[in-house]
Amino acid sequence: MATLRDILRKIGAVKKTRQITRAMNMVAAARLRGAQMRMEGFEPYATKFSEVLGSLATRIEPDIHPLLVKRDNVTRAELLHFTADRGLCGSFNGNLINLAEKWQKEAQGSGIACSFTTVGKKGRDYFRKRGYNLIDSHINLYGKVDISFINQMTAGFINRYLAGDVDEVYIMYSRFIGMAKQVPTLVKLLPIEPPKAEAVEDASGGAAEYLCEPDPEALLIELLPKHISVQIYNAFLQNETSEHAARMAAMDNASKNCNDLIDSLTLVYNKARQAAITAELMDIVGGAEALKG
């Protein structure tokens, strides 16, 4: 009977685990709805901003501002890297970290020194333990980050770029495609590469003419830092939505695995119980036959 008690104890433990995974699935679903609404509300602004920036970039010379000029010799690069603050979201954090390590290996192979600015506790802990060059780290920002903080981050990147501390700045986050697909994405922040006219025309359905006040050069110079802030804020929203979607899927799979494990343990329990009953019956029959003899 000790074996039967062990199996019953395992079944009880798996049922409690299933309750936890179901609760986490519902919490992730509720947070996903809010994050997805914020992301979809910001997307039209980001799209129109890129459209206007691309239209202005076609009218002026590319060397009008230092943020647009590519460095001839790139020796230092910085990566703004996004991960989650918590785990239990499947391969979400692992995919982002693996892509960052691949980016660093390729950069180092080209003779480029790499540094990191991390958003999220998982990425910060991983890179810190392995001795990566961390410039800055931010945790517990998802759901409460505001544009003033984004502007401070943008100013830090621009200052380091203009001072010559870095020659290129990249951003890496998980882009939300759908509930079942989140894609780790790498985008160059600095030097700024405005959207091309063809891409702007395809996104908007046709080329648009804008009347600029003041002149396009002054307007573009004013919009360039805001363009970086828009991309960083969009990365926050995309990564947060992707995290909740990944956690929701992971907890749903965990609940299904718990159900399968409960069914398997129940079958083992029934077989063990039947074997124990059969053994007891054999003992009784054997004892009765011995008394008759």
Protein backbone atom coordinates (compact mmCIF):
# COMPACT_ATOMS: atom_id res chain seq x y z
CA MET A 1 0.00 0.00 0.00
CA ALA A 2 2.98 2.33 0.39
CA THR A 3 3.34 2.41 -3.38
CA LEU A 4 -0.32 3.34 -3.80
CA ARG A 5 0.08 6.18 -1.29
CA ASP A 6 3.09 7.50 -3.22
CA ILE A 7 1.14 7.50 -6.47
CA LEU A 8 -1.81 9.29 -4.83
CA ARG A 9 0.60 11.87 -3.42
CA LYS A 10 2.05 12.48 -6.89
CA ILE A 11 -1.42 12.87 -8.40
CA GLY A 12 -2.33 15.43 -5.72
CA ALA A 13 0.89 17.37 -6.35
CA VAL A 14 0.26 17.47 -10.12
CA LYS A 15 -3.33 18.68 -9.56
CA LYS A 16 -2.03 21.55 -7.41
CA THR A 17 0.48 22.42 -10.12
CA ARG A 18 -2.34 22.44 -12.66
CA GLN A 19 -4.27 24.92 -10.53
CA ILE A 20 -1.25 27.23 -10.48
CA THR A 21 -0.67 27.02 -14.25
CA ARG A 22 -4.36 27.69 -14.95
CA ALA A 23 -4.30 30.73 -12.69
CA MET A 24 -1.13 32.06 -14.36
CA ASN A 25 -2.72 31.49 -17.77
CA MET A 26 -5.73 33.62 -16.81
CA VAL A 27 -3.52 36.38 -15.36
CA ALA A 28 -1.40 36.43 -18.53
CA ALA A 29 -4.54 36.59 -20.67
CA ALA A 30 -5.86 39.59 -18.71
CA ARG A 31 -2.52 41.43 -18.94
CA LEU A 32 -2.21 40.56 -22.61
CA ARG A 33 -5.46 42.34 -23.44
CA GLY A 34 -4.28 45.57 -21.83
CA ALA A 35 -0.81 45.43 -23.38
CA GLN A 36 -2.21 44.62 -26.82
CA MET A 37 -4.62 47.56 -26.65
CA ARG A 38 -1.75 49.94 -25.82
CA MET A 39 0.38 48.51 -28.61
CA GLU A 40 -2.40 48.77 -31.21
CA GLY A 41 -3.22 52.30 -30.05
CA PHE A 42 0.38 53.43 -30.55
CA GLU A 43 0.93 51.66 -33.88
CA PRO A 44 -0.90 54.22 -36.11
CA TYR A 45 1.19 57.04 -34.62
CA ALA A 46 4.44 55.15 -35.18
CA THR A 47 3.43 54.30 -38.76
CA LYS A 48 2.53 57.90 -39.63
CA PHE A 49 5.70 59.17 -37.94
CA SER A 50 7.86 56.91 -40.10
CA GLU A 51 5.89 57.99 -43.17
CA VAL A 52 6.51 61.69 -42.52
CA LEU A 53 10.19 61.09 -41.70
CA GLY A 54 10.69 59.12 -44.90
CA SER A 55 9.04 61.86 -46.94
CA LEU A 56 11.29 64.53 -45.43
CA ALA A 57 14.42 62.41 -45.91
CA THR A 58 13.87 62.33 -49.67
CA ARG A 59 14.03 66.14 -49.90
CA ILE A 60 17.34 66.85 -48.15
CA GLU A 61 20.97 65.80 -48.19
CA PRO A 62 21.83 62.79 -45.99
CA ASP A 63 24.68 64.59 -44.22
CA ILE A 64 22.58 67.47 -42.87
CA HIS A 65 22.70 66.05 -39.31
CA PRO A 66 25.37 63.94 -37.52
CA LEU A 67 22.74 61.37 -36.50
CA LEU A 68 22.27 60.54 -40.19
CA VAL A 69 25.96 60.22 -41.11
CA LYS A 70 27.47 56.72 -41.08
CA ARG A 71 30.90 56.31 -39.50
CA ASP A 72 33.66 55.23 -41.85
CA ASN A 73 35.34 53.07 -39.22
CA VAL A 74 33.00 51.25 -36.82
CA THR A 75 34.85 49.96 -33.74
CA ARG A 76 32.24 50.18 -30.95
CA ALA A 77 28.58 49.18 -30.95
CA GLU A 78 25.92 49.22 -28.26
CA LEU A 79 22.80 47.05 -28.05
CA LEU A 80 19.59 48.00 -26.26
CA HIS A 81 18.38 44.53 -25.35
CA PHE A 82 14.88 43.61 -24.12
CA THR A 83 13.88 40.56 -22.08
CA ALA A 84 11.20 39.84 -19.49
CA ASP A 85 11.49 40.47 -15.76
CA ARG A 86 10.12 36.99 -15.01
CA GLY A 87 10.36 33.51 -16.43
CA LEU A 88 7.76 30.80 -17.07
CA CYS A 89 7.17 32.08 -20.60
CA GLY A 90 8.66 29.24 -22.63
CA SER A 91 11.60 30.06 -24.89
CA PHE A 92 10.79 33.79 -24.97
CA ASN A 93 13.83 34.99 -23.00
CA GLY A 94 16.12 32.30 -24.41
CA ASN A 95 15.45 33.30 -28.01
CA LEU A 96 16.27 36.95 -27.31
CA ILE A 97 19.45 36.09 -25.41
CA ASN A 98 20.62 33.65 -28.09
CA LEU A 99 20.11 36.27 -30.80
CA ALA A 100 22.08 38.82 -28.73
CA GLU A 101 24.99 36.41 -28.32
CA LYS A 102 24.95 35.69 -32.05
CA TRP A 103 25.00 39.44 -32.77
CA GLN A 104 27.96 39.92 -30.43
CA LYS A 105 29.95 37.06 -31.97
CA GLU A 106 29.43 38.45 -35.47
CA ALA A 107 30.40 41.95 -34.32
CA GLN A 108 33.51 40.74 -32.52
CA GLY A 109 34.45 38.77 -35.62
CA SER A 110 34.48 42.10 -37.48
CA GLY A 111 36.64 43.72 -34.81
CA ILE A 112 33.80 45.64 -33.12
CA ALA A 113 33.70 45.98 -29.33
CA CYS A 114 30.18 45.44 -27.95
CA SER A 115 28.36 46.89 -24.96
CA PHE A 116 24.83 46.33 -23.66
CA THR A 117 21.98 48.30 -22.14
CA THR A 118 19.38 45.85 -20.85
CA VAL A 119 15.68 46.15 -20.14
CA GLY A 120 14.38 43.24 -18.09
CA LYS A 121 15.76 41.26 -15.15
CA LYS A 122 16.40 38.03 -17.08
CA GLY A 123 18.72 39.62 -19.61
CA ARG A 124 20.49 41.73 -16.99
CA ASP A 125 21.23 38.72 -14.77
CA TYR A 126 22.38 36.58 -17.68
CA PHE A 127 24.81 39.11 -19.15
CA ARG A 128 26.08 40.24 -15.75
CA LYS A 129 26.95 36.70 -14.63
CA ARG A 130 28.91 36.09 -17.84
CA GLY A 131 30.94 39.27 -17.66
CA TYR A 132 29.43 41.18 -20.58
CA ASN A 133 30.04 44.92 -20.78
CA LEU A 134 26.83 46.43 -19.32
CA ILE A 135 26.45 50.18 -19.71
CA ASP A 136 23.08 50.37 -17.94
CA SER A 137 20.17 48.14 -16.92
CA HIS A 138 16.47 48.75 -16.24
CA ILE A 139 14.02 46.39 -14.52
CA ASN A 140 10.32 46.43 -13.59
CA LEU A 141 9.39 49.00 -16.25
CA TYR A 142 6.79 47.13 -18.27
CA GLY A 143 3.29 48.52 -17.95
CA LYS A 144 4.39 51.77 -16.29
CA VAL A 145 7.05 53.30 -18.55
CA ASP A 146 6.29 56.84 -19.75
CA ILE A 147 7.59 58.96 -22.58
CA SER A 148 9.74 61.13 -20.29
CA PHE A 149 11.80 58.08 -19.32
CA ILE A 150 12.02 57.06 -22.98
CA ASN A 151 13.34 60.54 -23.84
CA GLN A 152 16.02 60.19 -21.16
CA MET A 153 17.14 56.88 -22.65
CA THR A 154 17.18 58.45 -26.11
CA ALA A 155 19.28 61.39 -24.87
CA GLY A 156 21.79 58.97 -23.36
CA PHE A 157 22.22 57.07 -26.62
CA ILE A 158 22.53 60.28 -28.65
CA ASN A 159 25.07 61.79 -26.26
CA ARG A 160 27.25 58.68 -26.35
CA TYR A 161 26.99 58.55 -30.13
CA LEU A 162 27.86 62.21 -30.67
CA ALA A 163 30.72 61.99 -28.15
CA GLY A 164 32.23 59.10 -30.11
CA ASP A 165 31.81 56.53 -27.32
CA VAL A 166 29.85 54.30 -29.73
CA ASP A 167 29.73 54.19 -33.52
CA GLU A 168 26.45 52.25 -33.88
CA VAL A 169 23.46 51.61 -31.64
CA TYR A 170 21.04 48.72 -32.14
CA ILE A 171 17.81 47.66 -30.45
CA MET A 172 16.65 44.06 -29.99
CA TYR A 173 13.14 43.09 -28.89
CA SER A 174 10.42 40.53 -29.58
CA ARG A 175 7.96 41.70 -32.24
CA PHE A 176 4.37 40.58 -31.71
CA ILE A 177 3.04 38.84 -34.83
CA GLY A 178 0.19 36.92 -33.25
CA MET A 179 -0.77 34.76 -30.30
CA ALA A 180 1.33 31.87 -31.57
CA LYS A 181 4.26 33.81 -33.03
CA GLN A 182 6.66 36.35 -31.53
CA VAL A 183 9.79 37.12 -33.54
CA PRO A 184 13.07 38.40 -32.02
CA THR A 185 13.92 41.50 -34.05
CA LEU A 186 17.13 43.52 -34.48
CA VAL A 187 16.87 47.17 -35.62
CA LYS A 188 19.57 49.82 -36.02
CA LEU A 189 18.87 52.97 -33.99
CA LEU A 190 21.99 55.02 -34.78
CA PRO A 191 22.98 56.22 -37.25
CA ILE A 192 19.37 56.80 -38.23
CA GLU A 193 18.28 55.22 -41.49
CA PRO A 194 15.01 56.95 -42.51
CA PRO A 195 12.41 54.77 -44.27
CA LYS A 196 12.88 54.73 -48.01
CA ALA A 197 10.34 56.36 -50.27
CA GLU A 198 9.27 53.00 -51.73
CA ALA A 199 8.59 51.55 -48.29
CA VAL A 200 6.67 54.63 -47.21
CA GLU A 201 4.57 54.53 -50.37
CA ASP A 202 3.80 50.82 -49.93
CA ALA A 203 2.81 51.30 -46.28
CA SER A 204 0.57 54.30 -46.92
CA GLY A 205 -0.91 53.10 -50.22
CA GLY A 206 0.50 56.03 -52.21
CA ALA A 207 2.98 58.86 -52.07
CA ALA A 208 1.86 61.80 -49.93
CA GLU A 209 2.89 65.44 -50.35
CA TYR A 210 3.54 67.36 -47.13
CA LEU A 211 3.76 71.13 -46.76
CA CYS A 212 6.44 71.83 -44.17
CA GLU A 213 6.60 74.77 -41.78
CA PRO A 214 9.39 75.54 -41.08
CA ASP A 215 11.60 74.18 -43.88
CA PRO A 216 12.13 70.38 -44.23
CA GLU A 217 15.71 70.56 -42.89
CA ALA A 218 14.72 72.20 -39.62
CA LEU A 219 11.72 69.90 -39.22
CA LEU A 220 13.78 66.77 -39.85
CA ILE A 221 16.40 67.83 -37.31
CA GLU A 222 13.61 68.30 -34.76
CA LEU A 223 12.05 64.90 -35.54
CA LEU A 224 15.21 62.76 -35.51
CA PRO A 225 15.48 62.35 -31.68
CA LYS A 226 11.73 61.76 -31.51
CA HIS A 227 12.12 59.03 -34.12
CA ILE A 228 14.47 57.15 -31.78
CA SER A 229 12.05 57.63 -28.86
CA VAL A 230 9.18 56.27 -30.97
CA GLN A 231 11.17 53.14 -31.84
CA ILE A 232 12.17 52.52 -28.22
CA TYR A 233 8.63 53.01 -26.92
CA ASN A 234 7.30 50.74 -29.65
CA ALA A 235 9.85 48.10 -28.58
CA PHE A 236 8.56 48.33 -24.98
CA LEU A 237 4.97 47.76 -26.12
CA GLN A 238 5.83 45.00 -28.58
CA ASN A 239 8.03 43.13 -26.09
CA GLU A 240 5.50 43.38 -23.26
CA THR A 241 2.70 42.06 -25.47
CA SER A 242 4.91 39.25 -26.76
CA GLU A 243 5.89 38.27 -23.22
CA HIS A 244 2.29 37.89 -22.06
CA ALA A 245 1.36 35.95 -25.20
CA ALA A 246 4.34 33.62 -24.71
CA ARG A 247 3.51 33.09 -21.02
CA MET A 248 -0.13 32.42 -21.84
CA ALA A 249 0.87 29.76 -24.38
CA ALA A 250 3.45 28.24 -22.03
CA MET A 251 0.98 27.96 -19.15
CA ASP A 252 -1.65 26.48 -21.45
CA ASN A 253 0.84 23.81 -22.56
CA ALA A 254 1.81 23.19 -18.93
CA SER A 255 -1.84 22.66 -17.98
CA LYS A 256 -2.25 20.17 -20.83
CA ASN A 257 0.88 18.33 -19.73
CA CYS A 258 -0.50 18.16 -16.19
CA ASN A 259 -3.70 16.61 -17.51
CA ASP A 260 -1.71 14.01 -19.44
CA LEU A 261 0.43 13.26 -16.39
CA ILE A 262 -2.64 12.88 -14.17
CA ASP A 263 -4.17 10.42 -16.65
CA SER A 264 -0.93 8.44 -16.78
CA LEU A 265 -0.55 8.35 -12.98
CA THR A 266 -4.21 7.37 -12.57
CA LEU A 267 -3.67 4.43 -14.92
CA VAL A 268 -0.58 3.38 -12.97
CA TYR A 269 -2.52 3.69 -9.72
CA ASN A 270 -5.39 1.53 -10.99
CA LYS A 271 -2.97 -1.14 -12.21
CA ALA A 272 -1.08 -1.14 -8.89
CA ARG A 273 -4.36 -1.29 -6.94
CA GLN A 274 -5.62 -4.17 -9.07
CA ALA A 275 -2.34 -6.02 -8.60
CA ALA A 276 -2.53 -5.49 -4.83
CA ILE A 277 -6.12 -6.80 -4.69
CA THR A 278 -5.18 -9.81 -6.81
CA ALA A 279 -2.23 -10.57 -4.53
CA GLU A 280 -4.48 -10.41 -1.44
CA LEU A 281 -7.02 -12.72 -3.06
CA MET A 282 -4.27 -15.18 -3.94
CA ASP A 283 -3.09 -15.12 -0.33
CA ILE A 284 -6.63 -15.80 0.90
CA VAL A 285 -7.19 -18.64 -1.57
CA GLY A 286 -3.77 -20.11 -0.79
CA GLY A 287 -4.49 -19.99 2.97
CA ALA A 288 -7.86 -21.65 2.50
CA GLU A 289 -6.34 -24.44 0.41
CA ALA A 290 -3.66 -24.96 3.05
CA LEU A 291 -6.29 -25.34 5.80
CA LYS A 292 -8.19 -27.89 3.69
CA GLY A 293 -4.99 -29.88 3.22
